[in-house]
Amino acid sequence: MKIAIPIEEKNIETNVCPSFGRTPYFLIYNTDTKESEFIDNSAAESSGGAGIKAAQIIVDKEADVLLTPRLGSNAADTLKAAEIEIYKTKSGSAKDNIDAFIAGELSVLKEIHAGFHGQGR
């Protein structure tokens, strides 16, 4: 299984980024191989549509699950269309949240916001 998570730095011990579409990086963690892949988020500097573009990066990396603190409706729609499950992170590092997900301690993200259309960061 591949888990995607927005992160502040290219390190599994870094904090989860509070912004999905504007996160600097994504971590793709493979639970089978225990390998971590760090992806630059090319959508972060977009003038608009960052959430959808970021979601497409996750889809293209063939993630099965996204762990994130919040998500806009357009990005959520893109991920749901690709059958990617979305879970709400808790405070702590990316590794803490991956471990919590594997242990069944994270809940499905239900509060999808309208997005920050045109508002940038």
N, C-alpha and C. Protein backbone atom coordinates (compact mmCIF):
# COMPACT_ATOMS: atom_id res chain seq x y z
N MET A 1 0.84 -1.18 0.00
CA MET A 1 0.00 0.00 0.00
C MET A 1 0.89 1.24 0.00
N LYS A 2 0.49 2.25 -0.77
CA LYS A 2 1.22 3.52 -0.81
C LYS A 2 0.41 4.59 -0.08
N ILE A 3 1.09 5.23 0.88
CA ILE A 3 0.48 6.29 1.67
C ILE A 3 1.13 7.61 1.26
N ALA A 4 0.31 8.61 0.93
CA ALA A 4 0.80 9.95 0.60
C ALA A 4 0.51 10.88 1.77
N ILE A 5 1.44 11.81 2.00
CA ILE A 5 1.26 12.76 3.09
C ILE A 5 1.99 14.07 2.76
N PRO A 6 1.33 15.23 2.94
CA PRO A 6 2.00 16.51 2.69
C PRO A 6 2.98 16.81 3.83
N ILE A 7 4.20 17.22 3.47
CA ILE A 7 5.23 17.43 4.49
C ILE A 7 5.97 18.74 4.28
N GLU A 8 6.60 19.21 5.36
CA GLU A 8 7.34 20.48 5.36
C GLU A 8 8.75 20.33 4.79
N GLU A 9 9.40 19.18 5.03
CA GLU A 9 10.78 18.94 4.61
C GLU A 9 10.89 17.52 4.08
N LYS A 10 11.94 17.24 3.35
CA LYS A 10 12.16 15.90 2.79
C LYS A 10 12.77 14.98 3.85
N ASN A 11 11.93 14.65 4.83
CA ASN A 11 12.36 13.82 5.96
C ASN A 11 11.11 13.21 6.59
N ILE A 12 11.12 11.91 6.83
CA ILE A 12 9.93 11.23 7.38
C ILE A 12 9.61 11.72 8.81
N GLU A 13 10.60 12.32 9.48
CA GLU A 13 10.39 12.83 10.84
C GLU A 13 9.86 14.26 10.86
N THR A 14 9.71 14.90 9.69
CA THR A 14 9.22 16.27 9.63
C THR A 14 7.73 16.33 9.96
N ASN A 15 7.27 17.53 10.26
CA ASN A 15 5.84 17.73 10.55
C ASN A 15 5.00 17.59 9.28
N VAL A 16 3.77 17.20 9.49
CA VAL A 16 2.79 17.19 8.41
C VAL A 16 2.49 18.65 8.08
N CYS A 17 2.44 18.97 6.80
CA CYS A 17 2.14 20.33 6.37
C CYS A 17 0.63 20.58 6.49
N PRO A 18 0.22 21.72 7.06
CA PRO A 18 -1.21 21.99 7.20
C PRO A 18 -1.91 22.29 5.88
N SER A 19 -1.15 22.61 4.85
CA SER A 19 -1.74 22.93 3.55
C SER A 19 -1.47 21.80 2.56
N PHE A 20 -2.52 21.22 2.01
CA PHE A 20 -2.34 20.15 1.04
C PHE A 20 -1.84 20.68 -0.30
N GLY A 21 -2.57 21.59 -0.90
CA GLY A 21 -2.23 22.07 -2.24
C GLY A 21 -0.94 22.85 -2.31
N ARG A 22 -0.60 23.52 -1.23
CA ARG A 22 0.59 24.38 -1.20
C ARG A 22 1.74 23.77 -0.39
N THR A 23 1.63 22.51 -0.04
CA THR A 23 2.73 21.86 0.69
C THR A 23 4.00 21.88 -0.18
N PRO A 24 5.16 22.05 0.42
CA PRO A 24 6.39 22.02 -0.39
C PRO A 24 6.68 20.64 -0.99
N TYR A 25 6.35 19.60 -0.22
CA TYR A 25 6.70 18.23 -0.64
C TYR A 25 5.60 17.24 -0.26
N PHE A 26 5.64 16.11 -0.92
CA PHE A 26 4.82 14.96 -0.53
C PHE A 26 5.75 13.81 -0.21
N LEU A 27 5.38 13.05 0.79
CA LEU A 27 6.04 11.80 1.09
C LEU A 27 5.13 10.69 0.58
N ILE A 28 5.69 9.78 -0.19
CA ILE A 28 4.98 8.57 -0.59
C ILE A 28 5.67 7.43 0.13
N TYR A 29 4.95 6.81 1.06
CA TYR A 29 5.51 5.73 1.87
C TYR A 29 4.88 4.41 1.45
N ASN A 30 5.71 3.45 1.12
CA ASN A 30 5.25 2.12 0.71
C ASN A 30 5.28 1.20 1.92
N THR A 31 4.12 0.75 2.37
CA THR A 31 4.05 -0.10 3.57
C THR A 31 4.62 -1.49 3.32
N ASP A 32 4.67 -1.91 2.07
CA ASP A 32 5.20 -3.24 1.76
C ASP A 32 6.73 -3.26 1.78
N THR A 33 7.35 -2.25 1.16
CA THR A 33 8.81 -2.20 1.06
C THR A 33 9.45 -1.34 2.14
N LYS A 34 8.63 -0.56 2.85
CA LYS A 34 9.10 0.39 3.88
C LYS A 34 9.97 1.49 3.28
N GLU A 35 9.80 1.75 1.99
CA GLU A 35 10.58 2.79 1.32
C GLU A 35 9.81 4.11 1.31
N SER A 36 10.57 5.20 1.42
CA SER A 36 10.01 6.55 1.37
C SER A 36 10.49 7.23 0.10
N GLU A 37 9.56 7.90 -0.58
CA GLU A 37 9.90 8.69 -1.75
C GLU A 37 9.42 10.11 -1.48
N PHE A 38 10.30 11.09 -1.73
CA PHE A 38 9.96 12.48 -1.50
C PHE A 38 9.76 13.17 -2.84
N ILE A 39 8.61 13.82 -2.99
CA ILE A 39 8.21 14.44 -4.25
C ILE A 39 8.10 15.95 -4.05
N ASP A 40 8.72 16.73 -4.92
CA ASP A 40 8.51 18.18 -4.91
C ASP A 40 7.09 18.44 -5.39
N ASN A 41 6.39 19.33 -4.71
CA ASN A 41 5.02 19.67 -5.12
C ASN A 41 5.08 20.81 -6.13
N SER A 42 5.01 20.47 -7.39
CA SER A 42 5.05 21.47 -8.45
C SER A 42 3.82 22.38 -8.44
N ALA A 43 2.77 21.99 -7.74
CA ALA A 43 1.54 22.80 -7.66
C ALA A 43 1.66 23.93 -6.65
N ALA A 44 2.64 23.88 -5.77
CA ALA A 44 2.74 24.83 -4.66
C ALA A 44 2.79 26.29 -5.11
N GLU A 45 3.40 26.55 -6.23
CA GLU A 45 3.55 27.93 -6.70
C GLU A 45 2.50 28.31 -7.75
N SER A 46 1.53 27.46 -7.98
CA SER A 46 0.48 27.75 -8.97
C SER A 46 -0.33 28.96 -8.55
N SER A 47 -0.74 29.75 -9.53
CA SER A 47 -1.57 30.91 -9.22
C SER A 47 -2.99 30.49 -8.85
N GLY A 48 -3.39 29.32 -9.28
CA GLY A 48 -4.72 28.81 -8.96
C GLY A 48 -4.79 27.32 -9.22
N GLY A 49 -5.74 26.67 -8.62
CA GLY A 49 -5.92 25.24 -8.85
C GLY A 49 -4.87 24.36 -8.22
N ALA A 50 -4.19 24.86 -7.18
CA ALA A 50 -3.11 24.10 -6.56
C ALA A 50 -3.61 22.77 -5.98
N GLY A 51 -4.78 22.77 -5.38
CA GLY A 51 -5.31 21.55 -4.78
C GLY A 51 -5.54 20.45 -5.80
N ILE A 52 -6.14 20.81 -6.93
CA ILE A 52 -6.40 19.83 -7.98
C ILE A 52 -5.09 19.32 -8.56
N LYS A 53 -4.15 20.23 -8.81
CA LYS A 53 -2.85 19.82 -9.36
C LYS A 53 -2.10 18.93 -8.38
N ALA A 54 -2.14 19.28 -7.10
CA ALA A 54 -1.48 18.46 -6.08
C ALA A 54 -2.15 17.08 -6.00
N ALA A 55 -3.47 17.05 -6.07
CA ALA A 55 -4.20 15.78 -6.04
C ALA A 55 -3.79 14.91 -7.22
N GLN A 56 -3.59 15.52 -8.38
CA GLN A 56 -3.19 14.75 -9.56
C GLN A 56 -1.80 14.14 -9.37
N ILE A 57 -0.92 14.83 -8.65
CA ILE A 57 0.40 14.26 -8.34
C ILE A 57 0.23 12.98 -7.53
N ILE A 58 -0.66 13.02 -6.55
CA ILE A 58 -0.92 11.85 -5.70
C ILE A 58 -1.51 10.71 -6.54
N VAL A 59 -2.43 11.05 -7.43
CA VAL A 59 -3.03 10.04 -8.33
C VAL A 59 -1.95 9.43 -9.22
N ASP A 60 -1.10 10.28 -9.81
CA ASP A 60 -0.05 9.80 -10.71
C ASP A 60 0.96 8.91 -10.01
N LYS A 61 1.17 9.12 -8.72
CA LYS A 61 2.08 8.28 -7.94
C LYS A 61 1.41 6.99 -7.46
N GLU A 62 0.16 6.83 -7.83
CA GLU A 62 -0.61 5.61 -7.53
C GLU A 62 -0.73 5.34 -6.03
N ALA A 63 -0.94 6.42 -5.27
CA ALA A 63 -1.16 6.27 -3.83
C ALA A 63 -2.52 5.62 -3.59
N ASP A 64 -2.61 4.89 -2.51
CA ASP A 64 -3.87 4.25 -2.11
C ASP A 64 -4.60 5.09 -1.07
N VAL A 65 -3.81 5.84 -0.28
CA VAL A 65 -4.33 6.58 0.86
C VAL A 65 -3.63 7.93 0.93
N LEU A 66 -4.38 8.97 1.32
CA LEU A 66 -3.80 10.27 1.63
C LEU A 66 -4.07 10.55 3.10
N LEU A 67 -3.03 10.96 3.82
CA LEU A 67 -3.16 11.43 5.20
C LEU A 67 -2.92 12.94 5.17
N THR A 68 -3.89 13.73 5.61
CA THR A 68 -3.78 15.19 5.55
C THR A 68 -4.65 15.83 6.62
N PRO A 69 -4.26 17.01 7.12
CA PRO A 69 -5.08 17.65 8.14
C PRO A 69 -6.35 18.29 7.59
N ARG A 70 -6.30 18.72 6.33
CA ARG A 70 -7.47 19.34 5.70
C ARG A 70 -7.34 19.22 4.20
N LEU A 71 -8.48 19.44 3.51
CA LEU A 71 -8.50 19.26 2.07
C LEU A 71 -9.67 20.04 1.48
N GLY A 72 -9.42 20.65 0.33
CA GLY A 72 -10.48 21.37 -0.38
C GLY A 72 -11.34 20.42 -1.19
N SER A 73 -12.53 20.88 -1.53
CA SER A 73 -13.50 20.01 -2.20
C SER A 73 -13.05 19.57 -3.60
N ASN A 74 -12.40 20.45 -4.36
CA ASN A 74 -11.96 20.05 -5.70
C ASN A 74 -10.89 18.97 -5.64
N ALA A 75 -9.93 19.14 -4.72
CA ALA A 75 -8.89 18.12 -4.55
C ALA A 75 -9.51 16.81 -4.06
N ALA A 76 -10.45 16.91 -3.12
CA ALA A 76 -11.12 15.72 -2.60
C ALA A 76 -11.85 14.97 -3.71
N ASP A 77 -12.53 15.72 -4.58
CA ASP A 77 -13.25 15.09 -5.69
C ASP A 77 -12.29 14.35 -6.62
N THR A 78 -11.13 14.95 -6.90
CA THR A 78 -10.13 14.32 -7.76
C THR A 78 -9.63 13.02 -7.13
N LEU A 79 -9.33 13.06 -5.84
CA LEU A 79 -8.83 11.87 -5.15
C LEU A 79 -9.89 10.78 -5.04
N LYS A 80 -11.10 11.18 -4.73
CA LYS A 80 -12.19 10.20 -4.61
C LYS A 80 -12.47 9.53 -5.96
N ALA A 81 -12.37 10.29 -7.05
CA ALA A 81 -12.58 9.70 -8.38
C ALA A 81 -11.53 8.62 -8.68
N ALA A 82 -10.34 8.78 -8.10
CA ALA A 82 -9.27 7.80 -8.27
C ALA A 82 -9.31 6.72 -7.18
N GLU A 83 -10.36 6.76 -6.35
CA GLU A 83 -10.56 5.78 -5.27
C GLU A 83 -9.43 5.79 -4.25
N ILE A 84 -8.91 6.99 -3.97
CA ILE A 84 -7.89 7.17 -2.94
C ILE A 84 -8.61 7.55 -1.64
N GLU A 85 -8.35 6.79 -0.60
CA GLU A 85 -8.97 7.04 0.70
C GLU A 85 -8.27 8.22 1.36
N ILE A 86 -9.04 9.02 2.11
CA ILE A 86 -8.51 10.23 2.74
C ILE A 86 -8.74 10.16 4.25
N TYR A 87 -7.64 10.29 5.00
CA TYR A 87 -7.71 10.22 6.46
C TYR A 87 -7.15 11.50 7.07
N LYS A 88 -7.69 11.87 8.21
CA LYS A 88 -7.27 13.09 8.92
C LYS A 88 -6.06 12.80 9.80
N THR A 89 -5.03 13.64 9.63
CA THR A 89 -3.84 13.49 10.45
C THR A 89 -4.07 14.06 11.84
N LYS A 90 -3.19 13.68 12.74
CA LYS A 90 -3.14 14.27 14.08
C LYS A 90 -1.84 15.06 14.17
N SER A 91 -1.63 15.78 15.24
CA SER A 91 -0.37 16.53 15.36
C SER A 91 0.79 15.54 15.45
N GLY A 92 1.94 15.98 14.99
CA GLY A 92 3.12 15.12 15.01
C GLY A 92 3.76 14.99 13.66
N SER A 93 4.70 14.10 13.58
CA SER A 93 5.49 13.91 12.36
C SER A 93 4.74 13.05 11.34
N ALA A 94 5.29 13.05 10.14
CA ALA A 94 4.75 12.17 9.10
C ALA A 94 4.84 10.72 9.57
N LYS A 95 5.97 10.34 10.16
CA LYS A 95 6.14 8.96 10.63
C LYS A 95 5.12 8.61 11.70
N ASP A 96 4.88 9.53 12.65
CA ASP A 96 3.87 9.30 13.69
C ASP A 96 2.50 9.03 13.07
N ASN A 97 2.16 9.80 12.03
CA ASN A 97 0.86 9.64 11.39
C ASN A 97 0.78 8.36 10.56
N ILE A 98 1.85 7.98 9.91
CA ILE A 98 1.87 6.72 9.18
C ILE A 98 1.69 5.56 10.15
N ASP A 99 2.42 5.61 11.26
CA ASP A 99 2.28 4.56 12.29
C ASP A 99 0.85 4.51 12.84
N ALA A 100 0.27 5.69 13.08
CA ALA A 100 -1.11 5.76 13.60
C ALA A 100 -2.10 5.19 12.59
N PHE A 101 -1.89 5.49 11.30
CA PHE A 101 -2.77 4.95 10.27
C PHE A 101 -2.68 3.43 10.23
N ILE A 102 -1.47 2.91 10.22
CA ILE A 102 -1.27 1.46 10.17
C ILE A 102 -1.91 0.78 11.38
N ALA A 103 -1.87 1.46 12.53
CA ALA A 103 -2.47 0.91 13.76
C ALA A 103 -3.99 1.11 13.81
N GLY A 104 -4.56 1.76 12.78
CA GLY A 104 -6.01 1.98 12.74
C GLY A 104 -6.48 3.11 13.64
N GLU A 105 -5.59 4.06 13.96
CA GLU A 105 -5.92 5.12 14.90
C GLU A 105 -6.34 6.44 14.25
N LEU A 106 -6.33 6.53 12.94
CA LEU A 106 -6.76 7.77 12.26
C LEU A 106 -8.17 7.58 11.71
N SER A 107 -8.93 8.67 11.70
CA SER A 107 -10.29 8.59 11.18
C SER A 107 -10.35 9.17 9.77
N VAL A 108 -11.39 8.79 9.06
CA VAL A 108 -11.62 9.31 7.71
C VAL A 108 -11.84 10.82 7.82
N LEU A 109 -11.25 11.58 6.90
CA LEU A 109 -11.42 13.03 6.88
C LEU A 109 -12.82 13.33 6.35
N LYS A 110 -13.64 13.93 7.20
CA LYS A 110 -15.02 14.22 6.83
C LYS A 110 -15.26 15.70 6.56
N GLU A 111 -14.44 16.57 7.17
CA GLU A 111 -14.63 18.01 7.01
C GLU A 111 -13.85 18.48 5.78
N ILE A 112 -14.48 18.44 4.63
CA ILE A 112 -13.89 18.93 3.40
C ILE A 112 -14.31 20.38 3.24
N HIS A 113 -13.34 21.30 3.10
CA HIS A 113 -13.69 22.71 2.99
C HIS A 113 -13.86 23.11 1.53
N ALA A 114 -14.39 24.30 1.33
CA ALA A 114 -14.68 24.77 -0.04
C ALA A 114 -13.42 25.10 -0.82
N GLY A 115 -12.30 25.24 -0.13
CA GLY A 115 -11.04 25.57 -0.80
C GLY A 115 -10.72 27.04 -0.59
N PHE A 116 -9.52 27.41 -0.97
CA PHE A 116 -9.06 28.79 -0.80
C PHE A 116 -8.87 29.42 -2.18
N HIS A 117 -9.81 29.25 -3.03
CA HIS A 117 -9.73 29.66 -4.43
C HIS A 117 -9.22 31.08 -4.60
N GLY A 118 -8.09 31.20 -5.28
CA GLY A 118 -7.51 32.50 -5.56
C GLY A 118 -6.84 33.18 -4.39
N GLN A 119 -6.78 32.52 -3.26
CA GLN A 119 -6.21 33.14 -2.07
C GLN A 119 -4.76 32.75 -1.84
N GLY A 120 -4.22 31.85 -2.62
CA GLY A 120 -2.84 31.44 -2.45
C GLY A 120 -2.61 30.84 -1.08
N ARG A 121 -1.49 31.19 -0.47
CA ARG A 121 -1.13 30.62 0.83
C ARG A 121 -1.85 31.27 1.97
